[in-house]
Amino acid sequence: MKKELRAVHDVVSCDVCGRTILKGERTEWYLAPGGHRHKVCDLCAVRAQHHGWIRESAAGEMPTRPARSDQSRGVFGRLRRRRGEDPGPAEQEAPSGAGVGEGEPSEYQEPEDAPAPPPRERPRSRPKDPRHVRAVPTTAEAKIERAFDLFNGSDHQRTVAGLARTLGPAWVSAQPDPTQASAVTVLVAWEISWYRYRVDLGDEADPVVMLDKGEELEEIEESMREWNAALDADGRVVAAVTDGGSEG
């Protein structure tokens, strides 16, 4: 008789991978730019750091903003800095007294006929790199093989490997997307949960995206339950010889 597993604790989800946290798993709060708080599981700690998030418990260890440099240098010193010259030691302070009459301000004033400093060139902003595009294989077998390589090089593979250590062996299906020639759909499933990913073979920057997830195999269309792959001992997706049957 098949046992049904039901959660007996509050449902908590990881804000990175989106999966439900299992009982006994540890989560930690992270701070994103802008002060937003996110709950992150142990498996996604590296991904959270790649997003620029920091652990809330370590926020007090961040260095403070460095103090601004001394702004009390004289006018000549500022002009020389604009021209790229080193100011002399006597120019650290503004000249005083010479040529200043009574009732006039003591701060040195530049003569009106003084030559204007040359305009500074604005730094040219580097153009953004165009989106790199990979060559897409033409056969279904080559597409699936390339999709495995991209998936195993992504953070999603580490998430799946961690789940496999907890939930055991998984069923895996990989099929080219009929509506997008450069995409392959990868499905990783257990009896109590499943995760579906899209691998864009033409996207070099971020080729793997999780599309959706669920808890029952019956939620998956039957065409995707043709298991033609598996996870190896390290949790990597590999091709497998099927026995012709399908689960569910």
C-alpha atoms as a PDB file:
ATOM      1  CA  MET A   1       0.000   0.000   0.000  1.00  0.00           C
ATOM      2  CA  LYS A   2       1.472   3.337  -1.050  1.00  0.00           C
ATOM      3  CA  LYS A   3       1.967   5.756   1.806  1.00  0.00           C
ATOM      4  CA  GLU A   4       1.120   9.401   1.377  1.00  0.00           C
ATOM      5  CA  LEU A   5       3.463  11.981   2.821  1.00  0.00           C
ATOM      6  CA  ARG A   6       1.804  15.034   4.263  1.00  0.00           C
ATOM      7  CA  ALA A   7       3.506  18.101   5.709  1.00  0.00           C
ATOM      8  CA  VAL A   8       3.098  18.378   9.482  1.00  0.00           C
ATOM      9  CA  HIS A   9       4.814  21.746   9.762  1.00  0.00           C
ATOM     10  CA  ASP A  10       4.205  25.195   8.396  1.00  0.00           C
ATOM     11  CA  VAL A  11       4.792  25.386   4.654  1.00  0.00           C
ATOM     12  CA  VAL A  12       7.933  27.451   4.023  1.00  0.00           C
ATOM     13  CA  SER A  13       9.419  28.047   0.565  1.00  0.00           C
ATOM     14  CA  CYS A  14      12.894  29.089  -0.515  1.00  0.00           C
ATOM     15  CA  ASP A  15      12.848  32.506  -2.229  1.00  0.00           C
ATOM     16  CA  VAL A  16      15.561  31.369  -4.698  1.00  0.00           C
ATOM     17  CA  CYS A  17      14.566  27.922  -5.997  1.00  0.00           C
ATOM     18  CA  GLY A  18      10.925  28.186  -4.874  1.00  0.00           C
ATOM     19  CA  ARG A  19      10.723  24.656  -3.492  1.00  0.00           C
ATOM     20  CA  THR A  20       8.992  23.789  -0.240  1.00  0.00           C
ATOM     21  CA  ILE A  21      11.432  23.410   2.664  1.00  0.00           C
ATOM     22  CA  LEU A  22      11.418  19.869   4.037  1.00  0.00           C
ATOM     23  CA  LYS A  23      11.143  19.184   7.744  1.00  0.00           C
ATOM     24  CA  GLY A  24      14.580  19.375   9.343  1.00  0.00           C
ATOM     25  CA  GLU A  25      16.094  21.577   6.624  1.00  0.00           C
ATOM     26  CA  ARG A  26      17.671  24.824   7.740  1.00  0.00           C
ATOM     27  CA  THR A  27      16.909  28.215   6.184  1.00  0.00           C
ATOM     28  CA  GLU A  28      18.489  31.592   6.710  1.00  0.00           C
ATOM     29  CA  TRP A  29      17.404  35.165   6.097  1.00  0.00           C
ATOM     30  CA  TYR A  30      19.294  37.156   3.425  1.00  0.00           C
ATOM     31  CA  LEU A  31      19.180  40.869   2.673  1.00  0.00           C
ATOM     32  CA  ALA A  32      18.884  42.028  -0.961  1.00  0.00           C
ATOM     33  CA  PRO A  33      19.774  45.516  -2.226  1.00  0.00           C
ATOM     34  CA  GLY A  34      17.102  47.898  -0.977  1.00  0.00           C
ATOM     35  CA  GLY A  35      16.728  46.089   2.349  1.00  0.00           C
ATOM     36  CA  HIS A  36      14.331  43.360   1.174  1.00  0.00           C
ATOM     37  CA  ARG A  37      14.520  40.140   3.230  1.00  0.00           C
ATOM     38  CA  HIS A  38      14.477  36.700   1.598  1.00  0.00           C
ATOM     39  CA  LYS A  39      14.420  33.230   3.106  1.00  0.00           C
ATOM     40  CA  VAL A  40      17.032  30.961   1.491  1.00  0.00           C
ATOM     41  CA  CYS A  41      17.688  27.239   1.919  1.00  0.00           C
ATOM     42  CA  ASP A  42      21.194  25.815   2.388  1.00  0.00           C
ATOM     43  CA  LEU A  43      21.266  24.521  -1.191  1.00  0.00           C
ATOM     44  CA  CYS A  44      20.740  28.014  -2.644  1.00  0.00           C
ATOM     45  CA  ALA A  45      23.192  29.952  -0.450  1.00  0.00           C
ATOM     46  CA  VAL A  46      25.700  30.263  -3.307  1.00  0.00           C
ATOM     47  CA  ARG A  47      23.013  31.482  -5.724  1.00  0.00           C
ATOM     48  CA  ALA A  48      21.853  34.097  -3.215  1.00  0.00           C
ATOM     49  CA  GLN A  49      25.403  35.414  -2.924  1.00  0.00           C
ATOM     50  CA  HIS A  50      25.655  35.577  -6.743  1.00  0.00           C
ATOM     51  CA  HIS A  51      22.536  37.779  -6.701  1.00  0.00           C
ATOM     52  CA  GLY A  52      24.330  40.197  -4.361  1.00  0.00           C
ATOM     53  CA  TRP A  53      22.369  39.147  -1.274  1.00  0.00           C
ATOM     54  CA  ILE A  54      24.105  39.003   2.108  1.00  0.00           C
ATOM     55  CA  ARG A  55      23.287  36.980   5.181  1.00  0.00           C
ATOM     56  CA  GLU A  56      21.260  39.056   7.623  1.00  0.00           C
ATOM     57  CA  SER A  57      23.421  37.785  10.481  1.00  0.00           C
ATOM     58  CA  ALA A  58      26.536  39.128   8.723  1.00  0.00           C
ATOM     59  CA  ALA A  59      25.084  42.519   7.743  1.00  0.00           C
ATOM     60  CA  GLY A  60      26.749  44.211  10.729  1.00  0.00           C
ATOM     61  CA  GLU A  61      30.175  43.111   9.492  1.00  0.00           C
ATOM     62  CA  MET A  62      29.990  45.131   6.243  1.00  0.00           C
ATOM     63  CA  PRO A  63      32.612  47.930   6.056  1.00  0.00           C
ATOM     64  CA  THR A  64      31.432  51.478   6.433  1.00  0.00           C
ATOM     65  CA  ARG A  65      31.711  54.012   3.605  1.00  0.00           C
ATOM     66  CA  PRO A  66      35.251  55.452   3.374  1.00  0.00           C
ATOM     67  CA  ALA A  67      35.683  59.067   4.394  1.00  0.00           C
ATOM     68  CA  ARG A  68      35.950  61.679   1.669  1.00  0.00           C
ATOM     69  CA  SER A  69      39.326  63.189   0.928  1.00  0.00           C
ATOM     70  CA  ASP A  70      40.337  66.544   2.390  1.00  0.00           C
ATOM     71  CA  GLN A  71      38.619  69.371   0.518  1.00  0.00           C
ATOM     72  CA  SER A  72      40.626  72.220   2.122  1.00  0.00           C
ATOM     73  CA  ARG A  73      43.314  72.467  -0.570  1.00  0.00           C
ATOM     74  CA  GLY A  74      43.865  75.836  -2.268  1.00  0.00           C
ATOM     75  CA  VAL A  75      42.588  77.020  -5.610  1.00  0.00           C
ATOM     76  CA  PHE A  76      45.881  76.395  -7.412  1.00  0.00           C
ATOM     77  CA  GLY A  77      46.014  72.893  -5.998  1.00  0.00           C
ATOM     78  CA  ARG A  78      42.532  72.149  -7.384  1.00  0.00           C
ATOM     79  CA  LEU A  79      43.496  73.593 -10.792  1.00  0.00           C
ATOM     80  CA  ARG A  80      46.633  71.450 -10.935  1.00  0.00           C
ATOM     81  CA  ARG A  81      44.680  68.368 -10.022  1.00  0.00           C
ATOM     82  CA  ARG A  82      42.391  69.062 -12.964  1.00  0.00           C
ATOM     83  CA  ARG A  83      45.425  69.323 -15.278  1.00  0.00           C
ATOM     84  CA  GLY A  84      47.011  66.181 -13.837  1.00  0.00           C
ATOM     85  CA  GLU A  85      49.874  68.007 -12.020  1.00  0.00           C
ATOM     86  CA  ASP A  86      51.033  67.282  -8.488  1.00  0.00           C
ATOM     87  CA  PRO A  87      50.391  70.215  -6.129  1.00  0.00           C
ATOM     88  CA  GLY A  88      53.423  71.534  -4.266  1.00  0.00           C
ATOM     89  CA  PRO A  89      53.586  71.508  -0.488  1.00  0.00           C
ATOM     90  CA  ALA A  90      53.145  75.304  -0.349  1.00  0.00           C
ATOM     91  CA  GLU A  91      49.823  74.989  -2.199  1.00  0.00           C
ATOM     92  CA  GLN A  92      48.123  72.881   0.450  1.00  0.00           C
ATOM     93  CA  GLU A  93      46.702  76.103   1.881  1.00  0.00           C
ATOM     94  CA  ALA A  94      45.149  79.059   0.097  1.00  0.00           C
ATOM     95  CA  PRO A  95      47.372  82.184  -0.120  1.00  0.00           C
ATOM     96  CA  SER A  96      46.536  84.833   2.455  1.00  0.00           C
ATOM     97  CA  GLY A  97      47.206  88.565   2.982  1.00  0.00           C
ATOM     98  CA  ALA A  98      49.041  89.539  -0.242  1.00  0.00           C
ATOM     99  CA  GLY A  99      47.122  92.061  -2.341  1.00  0.00           C
ATOM    100  CA  VAL A 100      44.026  92.018  -0.114  1.00  0.00           C
ATOM    101  CA  GLY A 101      42.788  95.367   1.142  1.00  0.00           C
ATOM    102  CA  GLU A 102      40.877  96.146   4.279  1.00  0.00           C
ATOM    103  CA  GLY A 103      37.205  95.318   4.165  1.00  0.00           C
ATOM    104  CA  GLU A 104      37.712  92.719   1.450  1.00  0.00           C
ATOM    105  CA  PRO A 105      37.264  89.006   2.126  1.00  0.00           C
ATOM    106  CA  SER A 106      40.416  87.247   3.248  1.00  0.00           C
ATOM    107  CA  GLU A 107      39.860  84.269   0.884  1.00  0.00           C
ATOM    108  CA  TYR A 108      42.013  84.432  -2.198  1.00  0.00           C
ATOM    109  CA  GLN A 109      40.109  85.295  -5.402  1.00  0.00           C
ATOM    110  CA  GLU A 110      41.230  84.255  -8.867  1.00  0.00           C
ATOM    111  CA  PRO A 111      41.913  87.183 -11.255  1.00  0.00           C
ATOM    112  CA  GLU A 112      39.232  87.670 -13.866  1.00  0.00           C
ATOM    113  CA  ASP A 113      41.710  87.299 -16.734  1.00  0.00           C
ATOM    114  CA  ALA A 114      43.073  83.991 -15.470  1.00  0.00           C
ATOM    115  CA  PRO A 115      43.025  81.334 -18.215  1.00  0.00           C
ATOM    116  CA  ALA A 116      40.239  78.832 -17.825  1.00  0.00           C
ATOM    117  CA  PRO A 117      41.329  75.287 -17.142  1.00  0.00           C
ATOM    118  CA  PRO A 118      41.008  72.939 -20.087  1.00  0.00           C
ATOM    119  CA  PRO A 119      37.713  71.041 -20.108  1.00  0.00           C
ATOM    120  CA  ARG A 120      37.912  67.548 -18.750  1.00  0.00           C
ATOM    121  CA  GLU A 121      36.945  64.782 -21.087  1.00  0.00           C
ATOM    122  CA  ARG A 122      33.998  62.765 -19.946  1.00  0.00           C
ATOM    123  CA  PRO A 123      34.833  59.101 -19.506  1.00  0.00           C
ATOM    124  CA  ARG A 124      33.320  57.115 -22.270  1.00  0.00           C
ATOM    125  CA  SER A 125      30.915  54.491 -21.077  1.00  0.00           C
ATOM    126  CA  ARG A 126      31.635  51.042 -22.355  1.00  0.00           C
ATOM    127  CA  PRO A 127      28.899  49.724 -24.620  1.00  0.00           C
ATOM    128  CA  LYS A 128      26.986  46.828 -23.219  1.00  0.00           C
ATOM    129  CA  ASP A 129      28.041  43.510 -24.618  1.00  0.00           C
ATOM    130  CA  PRO A 130      25.460  42.106 -26.994  1.00  0.00           C
ATOM    131  CA  ARG A 131      23.716  38.929 -25.897  1.00  0.00           C
ATOM    132  CA  HIS A 132      25.910  36.023 -26.863  1.00  0.00           C
ATOM    133  CA  VAL A 133      24.145  33.366 -28.898  1.00  0.00           C
ATOM    134  CA  ARG A 134      25.261  29.756 -29.185  1.00  0.00           C
ATOM    135  CA  ALA A 135      24.936  27.586 -32.249  1.00  0.00           C
ATOM    136  CA  VAL A 136      21.899  25.286 -31.877  1.00  0.00           C
ATOM    137  CA  PRO A 137      22.192  21.603 -32.862  1.00  0.00           C
ATOM    138  CA  THR A 138      19.746  20.353 -35.479  1.00  0.00           C
ATOM    139  CA  THR A 139      18.960  16.781 -34.347  1.00  0.00           C
ATOM    140  CA  ALA A 140      16.908  15.872 -31.293  1.00  0.00           C
ATOM    141  CA  GLU A 141      19.672  13.678 -29.855  1.00  0.00           C
ATOM    142  CA  ALA A 142      22.257  16.435 -30.174  1.00  0.00           C
ATOM    143  CA  LYS A 143      19.881  18.980 -28.630  1.00  0.00           C
ATOM    144  CA  ILE A 144      19.240  16.762 -25.603  1.00  0.00           C
ATOM    145  CA  GLU A 145      22.945  16.035 -25.152  1.00  0.00           C
ATOM    146  CA  ARG A 146      23.715  19.774 -25.285  1.00  0.00           C
ATOM    147  CA  ALA A 147      20.883  20.493 -22.834  1.00  0.00           C
ATOM    148  CA  PHE A 148      22.389  18.030 -20.332  1.00  0.00           C
ATOM    149  CA  ASP A 149      25.745  19.834 -20.514  1.00  0.00           C
ATOM    150  CA  LEU A 150      24.140  23.234 -19.879  1.00  0.00           C
ATOM    151  CA  PHE A 151      21.905  21.954 -17.080  1.00  0.00           C
ATOM    152  CA  ASN A 152      24.793  20.214 -15.301  1.00  0.00           C
ATOM    153  CA  GLY A 153      26.764  23.457 -15.411  1.00  0.00           C
ATOM    154  CA  SER A 154      23.993  25.504 -13.771  1.00  0.00           C
ATOM    155  CA  ASP A 155      22.975  26.158 -10.164  1.00  0.00           C
ATOM    156  CA  HIS A 156      19.787  24.138 -10.761  1.00  0.00           C
ATOM    157  CA  GLN A 157      21.858  20.955 -10.961  1.00  0.00           C
ATOM    158  CA  ARG A 158      23.137  21.531  -7.418  1.00  0.00           C
ATOM    159  CA  THR A 159      19.558  21.998  -6.215  1.00  0.00           C
ATOM    160  CA  VAL A 160      18.474  18.746  -7.862  1.00  0.00           C
ATOM    161  CA  ALA A 161      21.499  16.909  -6.433  1.00  0.00           C
ATOM    162  CA  GLY A 162      20.572  18.086  -2.919  1.00  0.00           C
ATOM    163  CA  LEU A 163      16.987  16.914  -3.377  1.00  0.00           C
ATOM    164  CA  ALA A 164      18.195  13.538  -4.617  1.00  0.00           C
ATOM    165  CA  ARG A 165      20.219  13.051  -1.429  1.00  0.00           C
ATOM    166  CA  THR A 166      16.994  13.534   0.549  1.00  0.00           C
ATOM    167  CA  LEU A 167      14.339  11.990  -1.706  1.00  0.00           C
ATOM    168  CA  GLY A 168      16.359   9.259  -3.432  1.00  0.00           C
ATOM    169  CA  PRO A 169      16.607   8.363  -7.151  1.00  0.00           C
ATOM    170  CA  ALA A 170      14.625  10.518  -9.564  1.00  0.00           C
ATOM    171  CA  TRP A 171      12.875  10.013 -12.885  1.00  0.00           C
ATOM    172  CA  VAL A 172      14.169  12.332 -15.595  1.00  0.00           C
ATOM    173  CA  SER A 173      12.728  13.242 -18.979  1.00  0.00           C
ATOM    174  CA  ALA A 174      14.291  15.481 -21.641  1.00  0.00           C
ATOM    175  CA  GLN A 175      12.490  16.450 -24.854  1.00  0.00           C
ATOM    176  CA  PRO A 176      12.995  19.180 -27.472  1.00  0.00           C
ATOM    177  CA  ASP A 177      10.375  21.920 -27.251  1.00  0.00           C
ATOM    178  CA  PRO A 178       8.029  21.630 -30.277  1.00  0.00           C
ATOM    179  CA  THR A 179       7.297  25.392 -30.224  1.00  0.00           C
ATOM    180  CA  GLN A 180      10.874  26.683 -29.787  1.00  0.00           C
ATOM    181  CA  ALA A 181      13.606  25.143 -31.917  1.00  0.00           C
ATOM    182  CA  SER A 182      16.417  26.180 -29.542  1.00  0.00           C
ATOM    183  CA  ALA A 183      14.769  24.890 -26.323  1.00  0.00           C
ATOM    184  CA  VAL A 184      14.715  21.540 -24.523  1.00  0.00           C
ATOM    185  CA  THR A 185      12.367  20.724 -21.635  1.00  0.00           C
ATOM    186  CA  VAL A 186      13.930  18.814 -18.723  1.00  0.00           C
ATOM    187  CA  LEU A 187      11.679  17.230 -16.087  1.00  0.00           C
ATOM    188  CA  VAL A 188      13.029  15.830 -12.796  1.00  0.00           C
ATOM    189  CA  ALA A 189      10.466  14.001 -10.653  1.00  0.00           C
ATOM    190  CA  TRP A 190      10.039  12.005  -7.450  1.00  0.00           C
ATOM    191  CA  GLU A 191       6.908  10.453  -5.981  1.00  0.00           C
ATOM    192  CA  ILE A 192       6.120  13.546  -3.919  1.00  0.00           C
ATOM    193  CA  SER A 193       7.474  16.397  -6.065  1.00  0.00           C
ATOM    194  CA  TRP A 194       8.585  17.350  -9.567  1.00  0.00           C
ATOM    195  CA  TYR A 195      10.438  20.237 -11.235  1.00  0.00           C
ATOM    196  CA  ARG A 196      10.306  21.290 -14.889  1.00  0.00           C
ATOM    197  CA  TYR A 197      13.060  23.350 -16.544  1.00  0.00           C
ATOM    198  CA  ARG A 198      13.585  24.982 -19.938  1.00  0.00           C
ATOM    199  CA  VAL A 199      17.103  24.877 -21.394  1.00  0.00           C
ATOM    200  CA  ASP A 200      17.658  27.470 -24.131  1.00  0.00           C
ATOM    201  CA  LEU A 201      20.504  26.122 -26.253  1.00  0.00           C
ATOM    202  CA  GLY A 202      21.030  29.503 -27.915  1.00  0.00           C
ATOM    203  CA  ASP A 203      21.374  31.500 -24.688  1.00  0.00           C
ATOM    204  CA  GLU A 204      24.959  31.656 -23.443  1.00  0.00           C
ATOM    205  CA  ALA A 205      24.324  33.941 -20.450  1.00  0.00           C
ATOM    206  CA  ASP A 206      21.503  32.188 -18.536  1.00  0.00           C
ATOM    207  CA  PRO A 207      20.301  29.143 -20.466  1.00  0.00           C
ATOM    208  CA  VAL A 208      18.440  27.229 -17.698  1.00  0.00           C
ATOM    209  CA  VAL A 209      15.162  28.480 -16.197  1.00  0.00           C
ATOM    210  CA  MET A 210      12.733  26.641 -13.894  1.00  0.00           C
ATOM    211  CA  LEU A 211       9.258  26.791 -15.458  1.00  0.00           C
ATOM    212  CA  ASP A 212       7.096  25.237 -12.742  1.00  0.00           C
ATOM    213  CA  LYS A 213       6.910  22.554 -10.062  1.00  0.00           C
ATOM    214  CA  GLY A 214       4.334  20.341  -8.393  1.00  0.00           C
ATOM    215  CA  GLU A 215       3.693  17.498  -5.989  1.00  0.00           C
ATOM    216  CA  GLU A 216       1.770  14.853  -7.965  1.00  0.00           C
ATOM    217  CA  LEU A 217       2.994  13.055 -11.085  1.00  0.00           C
ATOM    218  CA  GLU A 218      -0.561  13.111 -12.454  1.00  0.00           C
ATOM    219  CA  GLU A 219      -0.196  16.884 -12.839  1.00  0.00           C
ATOM    220  CA  ILE A 220       2.342  16.320 -15.626  1.00  0.00           C
ATOM    221  CA  GLU A 221       1.118  15.705 -19.166  1.00  0.00           C
ATOM    222  CA  GLU A 222       1.599  12.097 -20.217  1.00  0.00           C
ATOM    223  CA  SER A 223       3.954  12.976 -23.077  1.00  0.00           C
ATOM    224  CA  MET A 224       6.495  14.296 -20.576  1.00  0.00           C
ATOM    225  CA  ARG A 225       6.447  11.081 -18.521  1.00  0.00           C
ATOM    226  CA  GLU A 226       8.583   9.187 -21.021  1.00  0.00           C
ATOM    227  CA  TRP A 227      11.655   8.819 -18.811  1.00  0.00           C
ATOM    228  CA  ASN A 228      14.717   8.775 -21.047  1.00  0.00           C
ATOM    229  CA  ALA A 229      17.341  10.030 -18.569  1.00  0.00           C
ATOM    230  CA  ALA A 230      18.419   9.739 -14.935  1.00  0.00           C
ATOM    231  CA  LEU A 231      20.643  11.238 -12.241  1.00  0.00           C
ATOM    232  CA  ASP A 232      24.086   9.781 -11.646  1.00  0.00           C
ATOM    233  CA  ALA A 233      25.732   9.388  -8.231  1.00  0.00           C
ATOM    234  CA  ASP A 234      26.698  13.079  -8.235  1.00  0.00           C
ATOM    235  CA  GLY A 235      23.197  14.261  -9.105  1.00  0.00           C
ATOM    236  CA  ARG A 236      24.064  15.099 -12.721  1.00  0.00           C
ATOM    237  CA  VAL A 237      21.560  14.511 -15.519  1.00  0.00           C
ATOM    238  CA  VAL A 238      22.682  11.720 -17.855  1.00  0.00           C
ATOM    239  CA  ALA A 239      21.074   9.751 -20.672  1.00  0.00           C
ATOM    240  CA  ALA A 240      19.602   6.387 -19.716  1.00  0.00           C
ATOM    241  CA  VAL A 241      18.207   3.379 -21.558  1.00  0.00           C
ATOM    242  CA  THR A 242      14.495   3.039 -20.781  1.00  0.00           C
ATOM    243  CA  ASP A 243      12.506  -0.153 -20.576  1.00  0.00           C
ATOM    244  CA  GLY A 244       9.664   1.237 -22.683  1.00  0.00           C
ATOM    245  CA  GLY A 245       7.346   1.880 -19.733  1.00  0.00           C
ATOM    246  CA  SER A 246       6.280   5.147 -18.173  1.00  0.00           C
ATOM    247  CA  GLU A 247       5.390   6.123 -14.634  1.00  0.00           C
ATOM    248  CA  GLY A 248       1.877   7.245 -13.803  1.00  0.00           C
END
